[in-house]
């Protein structure tokens, strides 16, 4: 989906997916083996900032990357509202993931929450993000599964942009070792954009 699409969506009043972090991220974050002081975390597709700002609130140094300048302006507003220390730890970059690459070996963690891409681009972007992790760095991902097409709680209506465990295992093979893989039905309560039963895929991998 284009930056124009997301700019229009994020220009609507309020926060489309709420201001609270994703439940899977909140649940798993304390258990990830990351540096105790200022872990560097990359959050591609952070939109209006609910996940990246929360990570900065937990003490991470966050870099959010998103194609929507409108979304990232709202993310900065959320960071400032959360507190000055959070705002200083939350950085942003407006960029198209199709053209952007992270610095190799620079990040302690990458967080991908509902960052859906068409298959040829997805494979390329996932490979680049894996390469951006330090050895021992962690990638955490939640995305809609193809079975989400049977639900009305959000997500792309194109099966090619929905992820199975098999898809993710193939994308990260040889780069990341899986520590958690799960797919099933949950209940979403993430602003007006994600409400109700949903079928999702959850995955965590560690850089070799």
C-alpha atoms as a PDB file:
ATOM      1  CA  UNK A   1       0.000   0.000   0.000  1.00  0.00           C
ATOM      2  CA  UNK A   2       1.275   3.462  -0.896  1.00  0.00           C
ATOM      3  CA  UNK A   3       2.426   6.243   1.409  1.00  0.00           C
ATOM      4  CA  UNK A   4      -0.571   8.233   0.127  1.00  0.00           C
ATOM      5  CA  UNK A   5      -2.952   5.506   1.360  1.00  0.00           C
ATOM      6  CA  UNK A   6      -1.419   5.551   4.841  1.00  0.00           C
ATOM      7  CA  UNK A   7      -1.182   9.346   4.957  1.00  0.00           C
ATOM      8  CA  UNK A   8      -4.938   9.502   4.317  1.00  0.00           C
ATOM      9  CA  UNK A   9      -5.654   6.842   6.932  1.00  0.00           C
ATOM     10  CA  UNK A  10      -3.462   8.414   9.585  1.00  0.00           C
ATOM     11  CA  UNK A  11      -4.866  11.885   8.873  1.00  0.00           C
ATOM     12  CA  UNK A  12      -8.145  10.762  10.432  1.00  0.00           C
ATOM     13  CA  UNK A  13      -8.798  11.956  14.000  1.00  0.00           C
ATOM     14  CA  UNK A  14      -7.357   9.848  16.804  1.00  0.00           C
ATOM     15  CA  UNK A  15      -5.030   6.858  16.483  1.00  0.00           C
ATOM     16  CA  UNK A  16      -6.191   4.225  14.004  1.00  0.00           C
ATOM     17  CA  UNK A  17      -4.679   1.311  15.951  1.00  0.00           C
ATOM     18  CA  UNK A  18      -4.737   2.901  19.382  1.00  0.00           C
ATOM     19  CA  UNK A  19      -1.837   4.101  21.507  1.00  0.00           C
ATOM     20  CA  UNK A  20      -1.221   0.914  23.521  1.00  0.00           C
ATOM     21  CA  UNK A  21       1.454  -1.527  22.335  1.00  0.00           C
ATOM     22  CA  UNK A  22       0.711  -4.799  20.609  1.00  0.00           C
ATOM     23  CA  UNK A  23      -0.138  -7.516  23.169  1.00  0.00           C
ATOM     24  CA  UNK A  24       2.389 -10.045  21.826  1.00  0.00           C
ATOM     25  CA  UNK A  25       5.178  -7.457  21.981  1.00  0.00           C
ATOM     26  CA  UNK A  26       4.236  -6.440  25.519  1.00  0.00           C
ATOM     27  CA  UNK A  27       4.107 -10.086  26.612  1.00  0.00           C
ATOM     28  CA  UNK A  28       7.390 -11.185  25.034  1.00  0.00           C
ATOM     29  CA  UNK A  29       9.578  -8.114  25.487  1.00  0.00           C
ATOM     30  CA  UNK A  30      10.676  -8.824  29.098  1.00  0.00           C
ATOM     31  CA  UNK A  31      11.776 -12.336  28.110  1.00  0.00           C
ATOM     32  CA  UNK A  32      14.019 -11.349  25.202  1.00  0.00           C
ATOM     33  CA  UNK A  33      17.748 -11.585  25.922  1.00  0.00           C
ATOM     34  CA  UNK A  34      18.682  -7.966  25.177  1.00  0.00           C
ATOM     35  CA  UNK A  35      21.217  -5.559  26.688  1.00  0.00           C
ATOM     36  CA  UNK A  36      20.046  -4.213  30.031  1.00  0.00           C
ATOM     37  CA  UNK A  37      20.930  -0.636  29.101  1.00  0.00           C
ATOM     38  CA  UNK A  38      19.558   1.176  26.015  1.00  0.00           C
ATOM     39  CA  UNK A  39      19.056  -1.708  23.579  1.00  0.00           C
ATOM     40  CA  UNK A  40      18.913  -0.408  20.014  1.00  0.00           C
ATOM     41  CA  UNK A  41      15.571  -1.365  18.472  1.00  0.00           C
ATOM     42  CA  UNK A  42      14.443  -0.907  14.877  1.00  0.00           C
ATOM     43  CA  UNK A  43      10.682  -0.678  14.259  1.00  0.00           C
ATOM     44  CA  UNK A  44       9.841  -0.728  10.533  1.00  0.00           C
ATOM     45  CA  UNK A  45       6.253   0.196   9.731  1.00  0.00           C
ATOM     46  CA  UNK A  46       5.694   1.890  13.098  1.00  0.00           C
ATOM     47  CA  UNK A  47       2.877   4.068  11.723  1.00  0.00           C
ATOM     48  CA  UNK A  48       1.477   6.285  14.470  1.00  0.00           C
ATOM     49  CA  UNK A  49       4.041   5.010  16.953  1.00  0.00           C
ATOM     50  CA  UNK A  50       2.182   2.857  19.451  1.00  0.00           C
ATOM     51  CA  UNK A  51       4.860   0.143  19.537  1.00  0.00           C
ATOM     52  CA  UNK A  52       7.994   2.226  19.116  1.00  0.00           C
ATOM     53  CA  UNK A  53       6.958   4.781  21.722  1.00  0.00           C
ATOM     54  CA  UNK A  54       6.186   2.002  24.203  1.00  0.00           C
ATOM     55  CA  UNK A  55       9.612   0.473  23.554  1.00  0.00           C
ATOM     56  CA  UNK A  56      11.253   3.845  24.205  1.00  0.00           C
ATOM     57  CA  UNK A  57       9.228   4.013  27.428  1.00  0.00           C
ATOM     58  CA  UNK A  58      10.782   0.655  28.416  1.00  0.00           C
ATOM     59  CA  UNK A  59      14.264   2.164  28.021  1.00  0.00           C
ATOM     60  CA  UNK A  60      15.114   1.218  24.428  1.00  0.00           C
ATOM     61  CA  UNK A  61      16.746   3.518  21.900  1.00  0.00           C
ATOM     62  CA  UNK A  62      14.224   3.272  19.063  1.00  0.00           C
ATOM     63  CA  UNK A  63      14.428   4.043  15.368  1.00  0.00           C
ATOM     64  CA  UNK A  64      11.041   3.925  13.645  1.00  0.00           C
ATOM     65  CA  UNK A  65      10.878   3.742   9.851  1.00  0.00           C
ATOM     66  CA  UNK A  66       7.658   4.344   7.949  1.00  0.00           C
ATOM     67  CA  UNK A  67       6.581   5.623   4.542  1.00  0.00           C
ATOM     68  CA  UNK A  68       3.897   7.839   6.083  1.00  0.00           C
ATOM     69  CA  UNK A  69       5.119  11.238   7.227  1.00  0.00           C
ATOM     70  CA  UNK A  70       1.648  11.896   8.645  1.00  0.00           C
ATOM     71  CA  UNK A  71       1.833   8.772  10.796  1.00  0.00           C
ATOM     72  CA  UNK A  72       5.288   9.604  12.117  1.00  0.00           C
ATOM     73  CA  UNK A  73       4.243  13.145  13.033  1.00  0.00           C
ATOM     74  CA  UNK A  74       1.531  11.615  15.211  1.00  0.00           C
ATOM     75  CA  UNK A  75       4.105   9.187  16.595  1.00  0.00           C
ATOM     76  CA  UNK A  76       6.313  12.097  17.668  1.00  0.00           C
ATOM     77  CA  UNK A  77       3.295  13.740  19.313  1.00  0.00           C
ATOM     78  CA  UNK A  78       2.605  10.506  21.209  1.00  0.00           C
ATOM     79  CA  UNK A  79       6.252  10.305  22.322  1.00  0.00           C
ATOM     80  CA  UNK A  80       6.223  13.909  23.565  1.00  0.00           C
ATOM     81  CA  UNK A  81       2.952  13.303  25.405  1.00  0.00           C
ATOM     82  CA  UNK A  82       4.434  10.203  27.050  1.00  0.00           C
ATOM     83  CA  UNK A  83       7.396  12.181  28.422  1.00  0.00           C
ATOM     84  CA  UNK A  84      10.563  14.087  27.501  1.00  0.00           C
ATOM     85  CA  UNK A  85      12.898  11.151  28.149  1.00  0.00           C
ATOM     86  CA  UNK A  86      10.773   8.946  25.895  1.00  0.00           C
ATOM     87  CA  UNK A  87      10.793  11.598  23.164  1.00  0.00           C
ATOM     88  CA  UNK A  88      14.609  11.735  23.214  1.00  0.00           C
ATOM     89  CA  UNK A  89      14.832   7.957  22.769  1.00  0.00           C
ATOM     90  CA  UNK A  90      12.337   7.815  19.895  1.00  0.00           C
ATOM     91  CA  UNK A  91      13.777   8.646  16.469  1.00  0.00           C
ATOM     92  CA  UNK A  92      12.045   8.394  13.099  1.00  0.00           C
ATOM     93  CA  UNK A  93      12.873   8.177   9.411  1.00  0.00           C
ATOM     94  CA  UNK A  94      10.420   8.567   6.543  1.00  0.00           C
ATOM     95  CA  UNK A  95      11.372   5.882   4.035  1.00  0.00           C
ATOM     96  CA  UNK A  96       9.939   3.288   1.661  1.00  0.00           C
ATOM     97  CA  UNK A  97      11.002  -0.174   2.859  1.00  0.00           C
ATOM     98  CA  UNK A  98      11.307  -1.223  -0.788  1.00  0.00           C
ATOM     99  CA  UNK A  99      14.253   1.163  -1.137  1.00  0.00           C
ATOM    100  CA  UNK A 100      15.627   1.344   2.407  1.00  0.00           C
ATOM    101  CA  UNK A 101      18.156  -0.895   4.155  1.00  0.00           C
ATOM    102  CA  UNK A 102      19.273  -0.915   7.800  1.00  0.00           C
ATOM    103  CA  UNK A 103      22.901  -0.618   8.770  1.00  0.00           C
ATOM    104  CA  UNK A 104      24.216  -4.219   8.882  1.00  0.00           C
ATOM    105  CA  UNK A 105      24.831  -5.696  12.326  1.00  0.00           C
ATOM    106  CA  UNK A 106      23.644  -2.556  14.116  1.00  0.00           C
ATOM    107  CA  UNK A 107      20.466  -3.538  15.974  1.00  0.00           C
ATOM    108  CA  UNK A 108      19.750  -5.515  19.134  1.00  0.00           C
ATOM    109  CA  UNK A 109      16.151  -6.115  18.042  1.00  0.00           C
ATOM    110  CA  UNK A 110      13.781  -5.617  15.131  1.00  0.00           C
ATOM    111  CA  UNK A 111      10.042  -5.387  15.845  1.00  0.00           C
ATOM    112  CA  UNK A 112       7.619  -6.018  12.969  1.00  0.00           C
ATOM    113  CA  UNK A 113       3.951  -5.700  13.907  1.00  0.00           C
ATOM    114  CA  UNK A 114       1.447  -5.945  11.046  1.00  0.00           C
ATOM    115  CA  UNK A 115       4.005  -4.772   8.496  1.00  0.00           C
ATOM    116  CA  UNK A 116       2.516  -6.536   5.476  1.00  0.00           C
ATOM    117  CA  UNK A 117       4.343  -6.610   2.148  1.00  0.00           C
ATOM    118  CA  UNK A 118       3.753  -8.414  -1.181  1.00  0.00           C
ATOM    119  CA  UNK A 119       5.764 -11.629  -1.439  1.00  0.00           C
ATOM    120  CA  UNK A 120       8.687 -10.562  -3.704  1.00  0.00           C
ATOM    121  CA  UNK A 121       9.286  -7.435  -1.626  1.00  0.00           C
ATOM    122  CA  UNK A 122       8.645  -9.230   1.663  1.00  0.00           C
ATOM    123  CA  UNK A 123      11.448 -11.727   1.078  1.00  0.00           C
ATOM    124  CA  UNK A 124      13.912  -8.962   0.227  1.00  0.00           C
ATOM    125  CA  UNK A 125      12.941  -6.742   3.153  1.00  0.00           C
ATOM    126  CA  UNK A 126      13.005  -9.616   5.644  1.00  0.00           C
ATOM    127  CA  UNK A 127      16.498 -10.605   4.487  1.00  0.00           C
ATOM    128  CA  UNK A 128      17.735  -7.016   4.897  1.00  0.00           C
ATOM    129  CA  UNK A 129      16.217  -6.739   8.370  1.00  0.00           C
ATOM    130  CA  UNK A 130      17.817 -10.008   9.470  1.00  0.00           C
ATOM    131  CA  UNK A 131      21.178  -8.699   8.272  1.00  0.00           C
ATOM    132  CA  UNK A 132      20.603  -5.535  10.292  1.00  0.00           C
ATOM    133  CA  UNK A 133      20.654  -7.488  13.554  1.00  0.00           C
ATOM    134  CA  UNK A 134      23.755  -7.962  15.666  1.00  0.00           C
ATOM    135  CA  UNK A 135      24.756 -11.597  16.345  1.00  0.00           C
ATOM    136  CA  UNK A 136      22.343 -12.702  19.038  1.00  0.00           C
ATOM    137  CA  UNK A 137      19.896  -9.963  18.066  1.00  0.00           C
ATOM    138  CA  UNK A 138      16.181 -10.770  18.088  1.00  0.00           C
ATOM    139  CA  UNK A 139      13.427 -10.274  15.517  1.00  0.00           C
ATOM    140  CA  UNK A 140       9.842 -10.296  16.810  1.00  0.00           C
ATOM    141  CA  UNK A 141       6.959 -10.395  14.349  1.00  0.00           C
ATOM    142  CA  UNK A 142       3.168 -10.535  14.441  1.00  0.00           C
ATOM    143  CA  UNK A 143       1.161 -10.513  11.216  1.00  0.00           C
ATOM    144  CA  UNK A 144      -2.164 -11.647   9.869  1.00  0.00           C
ATOM    145  CA  UNK A 145      -2.419 -15.221   8.580  1.00  0.00           C
ATOM    146  CA  UNK A 146      -4.219 -16.067   5.295  1.00  0.00           C
ATOM    147  CA  UNK A 147      -7.106 -17.366   7.417  1.00  0.00           C
ATOM    148  CA  UNK A 148      -7.684 -13.722   8.405  1.00  0.00           C
ATOM    149  CA  UNK A 149      -9.574 -13.353   5.129  1.00  0.00           C
ATOM    150  CA  UNK A 150     -12.464 -14.999   6.971  1.00  0.00           C
ATOM    151  CA  UNK A 151     -12.467 -12.277   9.648  1.00  0.00           C
ATOM    152  CA  UNK A 152     -13.335  -8.575   9.585  1.00  0.00           C
ATOM    153  CA  UNK A 153     -10.937  -7.327  12.271  1.00  0.00           C
ATOM    154  CA  UNK A 154      -8.362  -5.775   9.929  1.00  0.00           C
ATOM    155  CA  UNK A 155      -5.511  -6.551   7.589  1.00  0.00           C
ATOM    156  CA  UNK A 156      -4.967  -6.709   3.826  1.00  0.00           C
ATOM    157  CA  UNK A 157      -7.582  -8.446   1.703  1.00  0.00           C
ATOM    158  CA  UNK A 158      -4.834  -9.964  -0.485  1.00  0.00           C
ATOM    159  CA  UNK A 159      -3.667 -13.450   0.530  1.00  0.00           C
ATOM    160  CA  UNK A 160      -0.224 -12.762  -0.965  1.00  0.00           C
ATOM    161  CA  UNK A 161       0.330 -10.165   1.784  1.00  0.00           C
ATOM    162  CA  UNK A 162      -0.587 -12.506   4.653  1.00  0.00           C
ATOM    163  CA  UNK A 163       1.977 -14.700   6.422  1.00  0.00           C
ATOM    164  CA  UNK A 164       2.116 -18.322   7.549  1.00  0.00           C
ATOM    165  CA  UNK A 165       4.781 -19.882   9.772  1.00  0.00           C
ATOM    166  CA  UNK A 166       6.102 -21.712   6.724  1.00  0.00           C
ATOM    167  CA  UNK A 167       6.464 -18.389   4.901  1.00  0.00           C
ATOM    168  CA  UNK A 168       8.485 -16.847   7.729  1.00  0.00           C
ATOM    169  CA  UNK A 169      10.648 -19.914   8.238  1.00  0.00           C
ATOM    170  CA  UNK A 170      11.554 -19.829   4.566  1.00  0.00           C
ATOM    171  CA  UNK A 171      12.247 -16.073   4.609  1.00  0.00           C
ATOM    172  CA  UNK A 172      14.655 -16.252   7.561  1.00  0.00           C
ATOM    173  CA  UNK A 173      16.224 -19.664   6.908  1.00  0.00           C
ATOM    174  CA  UNK A 174      19.985 -19.600   7.323  1.00  0.00           C
ATOM    175  CA  UNK A 175      19.941 -16.225   9.098  1.00  0.00           C
ATOM    176  CA  UNK A 176      17.721 -16.490  12.171  1.00  0.00           C
ATOM    177  CA  UNK A 177      17.041 -19.411  14.495  1.00  0.00           C
ATOM    178  CA  UNK A 178      13.407 -19.725  15.512  1.00  0.00           C
ATOM    179  CA  UNK A 179      12.682 -19.520  19.240  1.00  0.00           C
ATOM    180  CA  UNK A 180       8.892 -19.118  18.991  1.00  0.00           C
ATOM    181  CA  UNK A 181       6.445 -19.891  16.216  1.00  0.00           C
ATOM    182  CA  UNK A 182       2.663 -19.902  16.557  1.00  0.00           C
ATOM    183  CA  UNK A 183      -0.419 -19.317  14.431  1.00  0.00           C
ATOM    184  CA  UNK A 184      -3.997 -19.207  15.627  1.00  0.00           C
ATOM    185  CA  UNK A 185      -6.973 -17.099  16.623  1.00  0.00           C
ATOM    186  CA  UNK A 186      -6.776 -14.243  19.115  1.00  0.00           C
ATOM    187  CA  UNK A 187      -9.007 -11.315  20.063  1.00  0.00           C
ATOM    188  CA  UNK A 188      -7.720  -7.932  18.884  1.00  0.00           C
ATOM    189  CA  UNK A 189      -8.418  -4.700  20.734  1.00  0.00           C
ATOM    190  CA  UNK A 190      -6.130  -2.185  19.018  1.00  0.00           C
ATOM    191  CA  UNK A 191      -7.987   1.040  18.337  1.00  0.00           C
ATOM    192  CA  UNK A 192     -10.780   1.218  15.747  1.00  0.00           C
ATOM    193  CA  UNK A 193      -8.597  -0.439  13.087  1.00  0.00           C
ATOM    194  CA  UNK A 194      -8.123  -3.831  14.792  1.00  0.00           C
ATOM    195  CA  UNK A 195     -11.160  -5.056  16.686  1.00  0.00           C
ATOM    196  CA  UNK A 196     -12.493  -8.565  17.235  1.00  0.00           C
ATOM    197  CA  UNK A 197     -11.418 -12.146  16.515  1.00  0.00           C
ATOM    198  CA  UNK A 198      -8.379 -12.449  14.251  1.00  0.00           C
ATOM    199  CA  UNK A 199      -6.147 -15.193  12.888  1.00  0.00           C
ATOM    200  CA  UNK A 200      -2.479 -14.262  13.280  1.00  0.00           C
ATOM    201  CA  UNK A 201       1.044 -15.605  12.964  1.00  0.00           C
ATOM    202  CA  UNK A 202       3.571 -14.905  15.705  1.00  0.00           C
ATOM    203  CA  UNK A 203       7.286 -15.523  15.319  1.00  0.00           C
ATOM    204  CA  UNK A 204      10.558 -14.791  17.103  1.00  0.00           C
ATOM    205  CA  UNK A 205      14.014 -15.544  15.708  1.00  0.00           C
ATOM    206  CA  UNK A 206      17.592 -14.925  16.864  1.00  0.00           C
ATOM    207  CA  UNK A 207      20.487 -13.890  14.592  1.00  0.00           C
ATOM    208  CA  UNK A 208      23.188 -16.513  14.263  1.00  0.00           C
END
